[in-house]
Amino acid sequence: MSPREPHDPRTPHDPGEPRTSRAPGLGALGRPVVLDLHGVTDKAAFMDRCAAALALPAWFGRNWDALAESLTDLSGRVALVVTGWQAYAEARPAEWRTAQDVFATSVAERPTRLTVLLSLGDLPATLGGSDERPSASLG
């Protein structure tokens, strides 16, 4: 075994040490809010899940304009993590494109207050993940 070369402080990583992520945690993006869309296959169920996840008032209009307004009116910084969206995207591709447009427009209007992340897998329990899947309708 040869001795390790001394670490050059100009390099960002000591090659003899394992790499770890230096990216900030999800909390750095804001308060994590999980929008779990498992089982959602229509707009009504999508809006119900949005209302529940974002704790929107009972008078929330459950339409795209009302959702856009609600997303830009959230208090504090929010990191909205959307999980289980694939089945909805497949069942209602036009609605899913509209939902993505609403998310993108809301982020553009409030870039320092809202971040939307699409999860490609299940979340750990610490972020609200669960082995249980909620039903498609909350009401």
C-alpha atoms as a PDB file:
ATOM      1  CA  MET A   1       0.000   0.000   0.000  1.00  0.00           C
ATOM      2  CA  SER A   2       1.402   3.369  -0.919  1.00  0.00           C
ATOM      3  CA  PRO A   3       1.005   6.390   1.344  1.00  0.00           C
ATOM      4  CA  ARG A   4      -1.772   8.774   0.449  1.00  0.00           C
ATOM      5  CA  GLU A   5      -0.878  12.033  -1.201  1.00  0.00           C
ATOM      6  CA  PRO A   6      -1.535  15.033   1.059  1.00  0.00           C
ATOM      7  CA  HIS A   7      -4.809  16.810   0.351  1.00  0.00           C
ATOM      8  CA  ASP A   8      -4.435  19.917  -1.787  1.00  0.00           C
ATOM      9  CA  PRO A   9      -6.669  22.597  -0.174  1.00  0.00           C
ATOM     10  CA  ARG A  10      -7.421  24.001  -3.642  1.00  0.00           C
ATOM     11  CA  THR A  11      -9.366  20.865  -4.547  1.00  0.00           C
ATOM     12  CA  PRO A  12     -12.984  20.784  -3.386  1.00  0.00           C
ATOM     13  CA  HIS A  13     -12.850  17.198  -2.148  1.00  0.00           C
ATOM     14  CA  ASP A  14     -10.209  15.096  -0.450  1.00  0.00           C
ATOM     15  CA  PRO A  15      -9.939  12.106  -2.837  1.00  0.00           C
ATOM     16  CA  GLY A  16      -9.237   9.780   0.070  1.00  0.00           C
ATOM     17  CA  GLU A  17     -12.569  10.542   1.723  1.00  0.00           C
ATOM     18  CA  PRO A  18     -15.998   9.319   0.597  1.00  0.00           C
ATOM     19  CA  ARG A  19     -18.095  11.881  -1.245  1.00  0.00           C
ATOM     20  CA  THR A  20     -21.102  13.265   0.567  1.00  0.00           C
ATOM     21  CA  SER A  21     -23.704  15.637  -0.751  1.00  0.00           C
ATOM     22  CA  ARG A  22     -23.062  19.255   0.032  1.00  0.00           C
ATOM     23  CA  ALA A  23     -26.506  20.216  -1.252  1.00  0.00           C
ATOM     24  CA  PRO A  24     -28.756  21.909   1.277  1.00  0.00           C
ATOM     25  CA  GLY A  25     -31.545  19.841   2.757  1.00  0.00           C
ATOM     26  CA  LEU A  26     -35.135  20.133   1.607  1.00  0.00           C
ATOM     27  CA  GLY A  27     -35.799  22.461   4.532  1.00  0.00           C
ATOM     28  CA  ALA A  28     -33.544  25.041   2.900  1.00  0.00           C
ATOM     29  CA  LEU A  29     -36.173  25.345   0.159  1.00  0.00           C
ATOM     30  CA  GLY A  30     -38.941  26.017   2.650  1.00  0.00           C
ATOM     31  CA  ARG A  31     -41.428  24.139   4.789  1.00  0.00           C
ATOM     32  CA  PRO A  32     -41.868  20.725   3.115  1.00  0.00           C
ATOM     33  CA  VAL A  33     -45.465  19.980   2.109  1.00  0.00           C
ATOM     34  CA  VAL A  34     -46.178  16.582   0.543  1.00  0.00           C
ATOM     35  CA  LEU A  35     -48.908  16.460  -2.106  1.00  0.00           C
ATOM     36  CA  ASP A  36     -49.578  12.716  -2.352  1.00  0.00           C
ATOM     37  CA  LEU A  37     -51.413  11.921  -5.592  1.00  0.00           C
ATOM     38  CA  HIS A  38     -51.353   8.117  -5.279  1.00  0.00           C
ATOM     39  CA  GLY A  39     -54.738   6.884  -6.499  1.00  0.00           C
ATOM     40  CA  VAL A  40     -55.748  10.230  -8.031  1.00  0.00           C
ATOM     41  CA  THR A  41     -57.098   9.887 -11.568  1.00  0.00           C
ATOM     42  CA  ASP A  42     -59.275  12.970 -12.041  1.00  0.00           C
ATOM     43  CA  LYS A  43     -59.339  16.709 -11.423  1.00  0.00           C
ATOM     44  CA  ALA A  44     -61.811  16.551  -8.521  1.00  0.00           C
ATOM     45  CA  ALA A  45     -59.572  14.184  -6.551  1.00  0.00           C
ATOM     46  CA  PHE A  46     -56.495  16.248  -7.503  1.00  0.00           C
ATOM     47  CA  MET A  47     -58.109  19.408  -6.141  1.00  0.00           C
ATOM     48  CA  ASP A  48     -59.226  17.573  -2.978  1.00  0.00           C
ATOM     49  CA  ARG A  49     -55.651  16.440  -2.364  1.00  0.00           C
ATOM     50  CA  CYS A  50     -54.317  19.964  -2.976  1.00  0.00           C
ATOM     51  CA  ALA A  51     -56.859  21.396  -0.542  1.00  0.00           C
ATOM     52  CA  ALA A  52     -55.904  18.859   2.142  1.00  0.00           C
ATOM     53  CA  ALA A  53     -52.112  19.021   1.675  1.00  0.00           C
ATOM     54  CA  LEU A  54     -52.004  22.820   1.588  1.00  0.00           C
ATOM     55  CA  ALA A  55     -54.649  23.225   4.331  1.00  0.00           C
ATOM     56  CA  LEU A  56     -56.728  25.430   2.034  1.00  0.00           C
ATOM     57  CA  PRO A  57     -59.954  26.935   3.397  1.00  0.00           C
ATOM     58  CA  ALA A  58     -63.326  25.255   2.845  1.00  0.00           C
ATOM     59  CA  TRP A  59     -64.248  27.962   0.333  1.00  0.00           C
ATOM     60  CA  PHE A  60     -61.322  26.985  -1.965  1.00  0.00           C
ATOM     61  CA  GLY A  61     -62.883  26.924  -5.446  1.00  0.00           C
ATOM     62  CA  ARG A  62     -61.315  23.637  -6.605  1.00  0.00           C
ATOM     63  CA  ASN A  63     -60.448  25.004 -10.043  1.00  0.00           C
ATOM     64  CA  TRP A  64     -57.155  25.895 -11.732  1.00  0.00           C
ATOM     65  CA  ASP A  65     -57.425  29.652 -11.131  1.00  0.00           C
ATOM     66  CA  ALA A  66     -58.224  29.146  -7.447  1.00  0.00           C
ATOM     67  CA  LEU A  67     -55.279  26.752  -7.095  1.00  0.00           C
ATOM     68  CA  ALA A  68     -52.913  29.233  -8.766  1.00  0.00           C
ATOM     69  CA  GLU A  69     -54.085  32.003  -6.446  1.00  0.00           C
ATOM     70  CA  SER A  70     -53.745  29.753  -3.401  1.00  0.00           C
ATOM     71  CA  LEU A  71     -50.208  28.724  -4.350  1.00  0.00           C
ATOM     72  CA  THR A  72     -49.070  32.330  -4.706  1.00  0.00           C
ATOM     73  CA  ASP A  73     -50.759  33.297  -1.425  1.00  0.00           C
ATOM     74  CA  LEU A  74     -49.067  30.659   0.760  1.00  0.00           C
ATOM     75  CA  SER A  75     -47.466  32.088   3.873  1.00  0.00           C
ATOM     76  CA  GLY A  76     -43.750  31.564   4.304  1.00  0.00           C
ATOM     77  CA  ARG A  77     -41.492  29.538   2.052  1.00  0.00           C
ATOM     78  CA  VAL A  78     -42.938  26.218   0.894  1.00  0.00           C
ATOM     79  CA  ALA A  79     -41.319  23.237  -0.834  1.00  0.00           C
ATOM     80  CA  LEU A  80     -44.234  21.342  -2.396  1.00  0.00           C
ATOM     81  CA  VAL A  81     -43.179  17.726  -3.001  1.00  0.00           C
ATOM     82  CA  VAL A  82     -45.576  15.994  -5.403  1.00  0.00           C
ATOM     83  CA  THR A  83     -45.592  12.195  -5.108  1.00  0.00           C
ATOM     84  CA  GLY A  84     -47.557   9.497  -6.907  1.00  0.00           C
ATOM     85  CA  TRP A  85     -48.369  11.816  -9.823  1.00  0.00           C
ATOM     86  CA  GLN A  86     -47.586   9.333 -12.605  1.00  0.00           C
ATOM     87  CA  ALA A  87     -50.999   7.586 -12.686  1.00  0.00           C
ATOM     88  CA  TYR A  88     -52.809  10.934 -12.833  1.00  0.00           C
ATOM     89  CA  ALA A  89     -50.485  12.103 -15.620  1.00  0.00           C
ATOM     90  CA  GLU A  90     -51.255   8.935 -17.570  1.00  0.00           C
ATOM     91  CA  ALA A  91     -55.022   8.950 -16.927  1.00  0.00           C
ATOM     92  CA  ARG A  92     -55.523  12.667 -17.630  1.00  0.00           C
ATOM     93  CA  PRO A  93     -52.543  14.010 -19.589  1.00  0.00           C
ATOM     94  CA  ALA A  94     -54.214  17.326 -20.499  1.00  0.00           C
ATOM     95  CA  GLU A  95     -55.184  17.980 -16.865  1.00  0.00           C
ATOM     96  CA  TRP A  96     -51.676  17.051 -15.703  1.00  0.00           C
ATOM     97  CA  ARG A  97     -50.155  19.501 -18.209  1.00  0.00           C
ATOM     98  CA  THR A  98     -52.481  22.184 -16.837  1.00  0.00           C
ATOM     99  CA  ALA A  99     -51.435  21.308 -13.272  1.00  0.00           C
ATOM    100  CA  GLN A 100     -47.774  21.589 -14.291  1.00  0.00           C
ATOM    101  CA  ASP A 101     -48.486  24.963 -15.917  1.00  0.00           C
ATOM    102  CA  VAL A 102     -50.176  26.168 -12.718  1.00  0.00           C
ATOM    103  CA  PHE A 103     -47.197  24.997 -10.645  1.00  0.00           C
ATOM    104  CA  ALA A 104     -44.703  26.637 -13.023  1.00  0.00           C
ATOM    105  CA  THR A 105     -46.593  29.937 -13.185  1.00  0.00           C
ATOM    106  CA  SER A 106     -46.950  30.051  -9.404  1.00  0.00           C
ATOM    107  CA  VAL A 107     -43.235  29.381  -8.921  1.00  0.00           C
ATOM    108  CA  ALA A 108     -42.374  32.073 -11.483  1.00  0.00           C
ATOM    109  CA  GLU A 109     -44.541  34.590  -9.622  1.00  0.00           C
ATOM    110  CA  ARG A 110     -43.068  33.699  -6.200  1.00  0.00           C
ATOM    111  CA  PRO A 111     -39.643  32.137  -6.891  1.00  0.00           C
ATOM    112  CA  THR A 112     -38.276  32.758  -3.402  1.00  0.00           C
ATOM    113  CA  ARG A 113     -41.429  31.512  -1.667  1.00  0.00           C
ATOM    114  CA  LEU A 114     -42.484  28.397  -3.599  1.00  0.00           C
ATOM    115  CA  THR A 115     -40.567  25.410  -4.926  1.00  0.00           C
ATOM    116  CA  VAL A 116     -42.349  22.472  -6.559  1.00  0.00           C
ATOM    117  CA  LEU A 117     -40.557  19.129  -6.739  1.00  0.00           C
ATOM    118  CA  LEU A 118     -41.857  16.046  -8.556  1.00  0.00           C
ATOM    119  CA  SER A 119     -40.828  12.880  -6.733  1.00  0.00           C
ATOM    120  CA  LEU A 120     -39.899   9.899  -8.887  1.00  0.00           C
ATOM    121  CA  GLY A 121     -40.217   7.457  -5.999  1.00  0.00           C
ATOM    122  CA  ASP A 122     -41.635   7.072  -2.532  1.00  0.00           C
ATOM    123  CA  LEU A 123     -40.634   9.501   0.196  1.00  0.00           C
ATOM    124  CA  PRO A 124     -39.104   8.502   3.514  1.00  0.00           C
ATOM    125  CA  ALA A 125     -41.460   8.644   6.481  1.00  0.00           C
ATOM    126  CA  THR A 126     -39.629  11.735   7.762  1.00  0.00           C
ATOM    127  CA  LEU A 127     -41.088  13.682   4.827  1.00  0.00           C
ATOM    128  CA  GLY A 128     -44.568  12.291   5.150  1.00  0.00           C
ATOM    129  CA  GLY A 129     -44.052   9.087   3.199  1.00  0.00           C
ATOM    130  CA  SER A 130     -46.044   6.050   4.202  1.00  0.00           C
ATOM    131  CA  ASP A 131     -46.682   2.472   3.183  1.00  0.00           C
ATOM    132  CA  GLU A 132     -50.390   3.277   3.206  1.00  0.00           C
ATOM    133  CA  ARG A 133     -51.945   4.860   0.137  1.00  0.00           C
ATOM    134  CA  PRO A 134     -54.835   7.262   0.695  1.00  0.00           C
ATOM    135  CA  SER A 135     -58.031   6.822  -1.280  1.00  0.00           C
ATOM    136  CA  ALA A 136     -58.603   9.000  -4.348  1.00  0.00           C
ATOM    137  CA  SER A 137     -61.259  11.115  -2.666  1.00  0.00           C
ATOM    138  CA  LEU A 138     -61.015  12.851   0.672  1.00  0.00           C
ATOM    139  CA  GLY A 139     -64.648  13.872   0.970  1.00  0.00           C
END
